[in-house]
Amino acid sequence: TEIVTAAEIGELNDTAAEKLNEVLDPTNFVHETIEYLPKTRKKLEELSGSDTINPVCCKSLSQVIADKCACEEKPMSFVISKLEPAGFNIQNYVALTKAIIDKLGCTAAQDLEVYPACTT
């Protein structure tokens, strides 16, 4: 049986935190997500028979965006309050979300806005 000291546990936690910060870094996250997109399309095709977002789902997403659901202050403030302590700024990922949805064959997200960066 190996004895692990508190200092070693602290080092492991620091290493895990560093790795998490690397993943959450917008530049790394965007790069890794774009690199993974072909696998996503393949998996989507395996599951649904198509490597693009279903047109019905795309239309539904279009309505959610048109209704500006992501611009509602109370629910989005709650979401943001849970993400910010981890250093995750949702605004850094809006453009990526638009690009991914577009690359999956759905143009519905082009007008996506997320609180507090919403126009009236």
C-alpha atoms as a PDB file:
ATOM      1  CA  THR A   1       0.000   0.000   0.000  1.00  0.00           C
ATOM      2  CA  GLU A   2       1.365   3.359  -1.049  1.00  0.00           C
ATOM      3  CA  ILE A   3       0.927   6.320   1.256  1.00  0.00           C
ATOM      4  CA  VAL A   4       0.007   9.562  -0.462  1.00  0.00           C
ATOM      5  CA  THR A   5       0.800  12.802   1.329  1.00  0.00           C
ATOM      6  CA  ALA A   6      -1.446  15.848   1.444  1.00  0.00           C
ATOM      7  CA  ALA A   7       1.157  17.719  -0.607  1.00  0.00           C
ATOM      8  CA  GLU A   8       0.978  15.070  -3.339  1.00  0.00           C
ATOM      9  CA  ILE A   9      -2.810  15.278  -3.360  1.00  0.00           C
ATOM     10  CA  GLY A  10      -2.509  19.067  -3.637  1.00  0.00           C
ATOM     11  CA  GLU A  11      -0.143  18.668  -6.600  1.00  0.00           C
ATOM     12  CA  LEU A  12      -2.597  16.290  -8.274  1.00  0.00           C
ATOM     13  CA  ASN A  13      -5.420  18.787  -7.724  1.00  0.00           C
ATOM     14  CA  ASP A  14      -3.259  21.588  -9.142  1.00  0.00           C
ATOM     15  CA  THR A  15      -2.458  19.467 -12.200  1.00  0.00           C
ATOM     16  CA  ALA A  16      -6.137  18.657 -12.700  1.00  0.00           C
ATOM     17  CA  ALA A  17      -7.026  22.338 -12.377  1.00  0.00           C
ATOM     18  CA  GLU A  18      -4.364  23.281 -14.925  1.00  0.00           C
ATOM     19  CA  LYS A  19      -5.694  20.673 -17.377  1.00  0.00           C
ATOM     20  CA  LEU A  20      -9.238  21.939 -16.873  1.00  0.00           C
ATOM     21  CA  ASN A  21      -8.096  25.515 -17.483  1.00  0.00           C
ATOM     22  CA  GLU A  22      -6.361  24.377 -20.683  1.00  0.00           C
ATOM     23  CA  VAL A  23      -9.580  22.764 -21.888  1.00  0.00           C
ATOM     24  CA  LEU A  24     -11.662  25.805 -20.942  1.00  0.00           C
ATOM     25  CA  ASP A  25      -9.234  28.222 -22.594  1.00  0.00           C
ATOM     26  CA  PRO A  26     -11.274  29.562 -25.524  1.00  0.00           C
ATOM     27  CA  THR A  27      -8.479  29.103 -28.065  1.00  0.00           C
ATOM     28  CA  ASN A  28      -7.810  25.484 -27.066  1.00  0.00           C
ATOM     29  CA  PHE A  29     -11.484  24.669 -26.764  1.00  0.00           C
ATOM     30  CA  VAL A  30     -12.291  26.096 -30.204  1.00  0.00           C
ATOM     31  CA  HIS A  31      -9.387  24.248 -31.786  1.00  0.00           C
ATOM     32  CA  GLU A  32     -10.257  20.910 -30.181  1.00  0.00           C
ATOM     33  CA  THR A  33     -13.937  21.284 -31.007  1.00  0.00           C
ATOM     34  CA  ILE A  34     -13.280  22.026 -34.671  1.00  0.00           C
ATOM     35  CA  GLU A  35     -10.815  19.124 -34.828  1.00  0.00           C
ATOM     36  CA  TYR A  36     -13.465  16.800 -33.348  1.00  0.00           C
ATOM     37  CA  LEU A  37     -16.244  17.924 -35.721  1.00  0.00           C
ATOM     38  CA  PRO A  38     -15.669  15.172 -38.344  1.00  0.00           C
ATOM     39  CA  LYS A  39     -16.093  12.552 -35.598  1.00  0.00           C
ATOM     40  CA  THR A  40     -19.230  14.356 -34.442  1.00  0.00           C
ATOM     41  CA  ARG A  41     -20.678  14.260 -37.960  1.00  0.00           C
ATOM     42  CA  LYS A  42     -19.834  10.563 -38.272  1.00  0.00           C
ATOM     43  CA  LYS A  43     -21.481   9.759 -34.933  1.00  0.00           C
ATOM     44  CA  LEU A  44     -24.519  11.837 -35.866  1.00  0.00           C
ATOM     45  CA  GLU A  45     -24.824   9.880 -39.104  1.00  0.00           C
ATOM     46  CA  GLU A  46     -24.559   6.573 -37.232  1.00  0.00           C
ATOM     47  CA  LEU A  47     -27.330   7.639 -34.881  1.00  0.00           C
ATOM     48  CA  SER A  48     -29.696   9.384 -37.272  1.00  0.00           C
ATOM     49  CA  GLY A  49     -28.770   8.318 -40.782  1.00  0.00           C
ATOM     50  CA  SER A  50     -27.590  11.830 -41.650  1.00  0.00           C
ATOM     51  CA  ASP A  51     -24.454  13.770 -40.764  1.00  0.00           C
ATOM     52  CA  THR A  52     -26.424  16.995 -40.497  1.00  0.00           C
ATOM     53  CA  ILE A  53     -28.937  18.321 -38.001  1.00  0.00           C
ATOM     54  CA  ASN A  54     -32.453  17.113 -38.733  1.00  0.00           C
ATOM     55  CA  PRO A  55     -34.443  19.855 -40.551  1.00  0.00           C
ATOM     56  CA  VAL A  56     -37.230  19.689 -37.956  1.00  0.00           C
ATOM     57  CA  CYS A  57     -34.695  20.199 -35.145  1.00  0.00           C
ATOM     58  CA  CYS A  58     -33.061  23.010 -37.088  1.00  0.00           C
ATOM     59  CA  LYS A  59     -36.432  24.734 -37.510  1.00  0.00           C
ATOM     60  CA  SER A  60     -37.123  24.339 -33.779  1.00  0.00           C
ATOM     61  CA  LEU A  61     -33.733  25.803 -32.949  1.00  0.00           C
ATOM     62  CA  SER A  62     -34.464  28.667 -35.317  1.00  0.00           C
ATOM     63  CA  GLN A  63     -37.619  29.488 -33.367  1.00  0.00           C
ATOM     64  CA  VAL A  64     -35.808  29.351 -30.002  1.00  0.00           C
ATOM     65  CA  ILE A  65     -33.221  31.799 -31.353  1.00  0.00           C
ATOM     66  CA  ALA A  66     -35.848  34.048 -32.956  1.00  0.00           C
ATOM     67  CA  ASP A  67     -37.678  34.158 -29.622  1.00  0.00           C
ATOM     68  CA  LYS A  68     -34.374  35.244 -28.018  1.00  0.00           C
ATOM     69  CA  CYS A  69     -34.639  32.611 -25.298  1.00  0.00           C
ATOM     70  CA  ALA A  70     -30.906  32.956 -24.568  1.00  0.00           C
ATOM     71  CA  CYS A  71     -31.486  36.662 -23.918  1.00  0.00           C
ATOM     72  CA  GLU A  72     -33.771  36.165 -20.943  1.00  0.00           C
ATOM     73  CA  GLU A  73     -31.995  37.759 -17.987  1.00  0.00           C
ATOM     74  CA  LYS A  74     -33.072  35.531 -15.085  1.00  0.00           C
ATOM     75  CA  PRO A  75     -32.347  32.079 -16.544  1.00  0.00           C
ATOM     76  CA  MET A  76     -29.172  33.191 -18.292  1.00  0.00           C
ATOM     77  CA  SER A  77     -27.900  34.962 -15.163  1.00  0.00           C
ATOM     78  CA  PHE A  78     -28.357  31.679 -13.329  1.00  0.00           C
ATOM     79  CA  VAL A  79     -26.432  29.751 -16.021  1.00  0.00           C
ATOM     80  CA  ILE A  80     -23.671  32.364 -16.101  1.00  0.00           C
ATOM     81  CA  SER A  81     -23.388  32.322 -12.294  1.00  0.00           C
ATOM     82  CA  LYS A  82     -22.663  28.588 -12.436  1.00  0.00           C
ATOM     83  CA  LEU A  83     -20.103  28.852 -15.258  1.00  0.00           C
ATOM     84  CA  GLU A  84     -18.146  31.952 -14.236  1.00  0.00           C
ATOM     85  CA  PRO A  85     -16.595  30.491 -11.047  1.00  0.00           C
ATOM     86  CA  ALA A  86     -14.927  27.888 -13.279  1.00  0.00           C
ATOM     87  CA  GLY A  87     -13.580  30.682 -15.495  1.00  0.00           C
ATOM     88  CA  PHE A  88     -16.035  29.892 -18.300  1.00  0.00           C
ATOM     89  CA  ASN A  89     -17.262  33.040 -20.052  1.00  0.00           C
ATOM     90  CA  ILE A  90     -20.165  31.961 -22.218  1.00  0.00           C
ATOM     91  CA  GLN A  91     -19.675  34.958 -24.542  1.00  0.00           C
ATOM     92  CA  ASN A  92     -16.350  33.464 -25.662  1.00  0.00           C
ATOM     93  CA  TYR A  93     -18.216  30.510 -27.167  1.00  0.00           C
ATOM     94  CA  VAL A  94     -21.167  32.080 -28.981  1.00  0.00           C
ATOM     95  CA  ALA A  95     -19.300  32.355 -32.295  1.00  0.00           C
ATOM     96  CA  LEU A  96     -18.130  28.748 -31.962  1.00  0.00           C
ATOM     97  CA  THR A  97     -21.687  27.586 -31.293  1.00  0.00           C
ATOM     98  CA  LYS A  98     -22.867  29.374 -34.425  1.00  0.00           C
ATOM     99  CA  ALA A  99     -20.057  27.828 -36.486  1.00  0.00           C
ATOM    100  CA  ILE A 100     -20.664  24.286 -35.228  1.00  0.00           C
ATOM    101  CA  ILE A 101     -24.391  24.405 -35.868  1.00  0.00           C
ATOM    102  CA  ASP A 102     -23.708  25.829 -39.322  1.00  0.00           C
ATOM    103  CA  LYS A 103     -21.143  23.096 -40.075  1.00  0.00           C
ATOM    104  CA  LEU A 104     -23.771  20.547 -39.060  1.00  0.00           C
ATOM    105  CA  GLY A 105     -26.014  21.823 -41.839  1.00  0.00           C
ATOM    106  CA  CYS A 106     -28.275  24.191 -39.917  1.00  0.00           C
ATOM    107  CA  THR A 107     -28.078  27.942 -40.436  1.00  0.00           C
ATOM    108  CA  ALA A 108     -30.528  28.663 -37.608  1.00  0.00           C
ATOM    109  CA  ALA A 109     -27.877  29.894 -35.177  1.00  0.00           C
ATOM    110  CA  GLN A 110     -26.630  32.767 -37.318  1.00  0.00           C
ATOM    111  CA  ASP A 111     -28.636  35.255 -35.246  1.00  0.00           C
ATOM    112  CA  LEU A 112     -27.889  33.659 -31.867  1.00  0.00           C
ATOM    113  CA  GLU A 113     -27.403  36.179 -29.076  1.00  0.00           C
ATOM    114  CA  VAL A 114     -26.737  35.374 -25.447  1.00  0.00           C
ATOM    115  CA  TYR A 115     -27.444  37.568 -22.428  1.00  0.00           C
ATOM    116  CA  PRO A 116     -26.126  40.144 -21.684  1.00  0.00           C
ATOM    117  CA  ALA A 117     -24.919  40.770 -25.244  1.00  0.00           C
ATOM    118  CA  CYS A 118     -28.364  40.965 -26.817  1.00  0.00           C
ATOM    119  CA  THR A 119     -29.812  43.623 -29.056  1.00  0.00           C
ATOM    120  CA  THR A 120     -33.411  44.698 -28.647  1.00  0.00           C
END
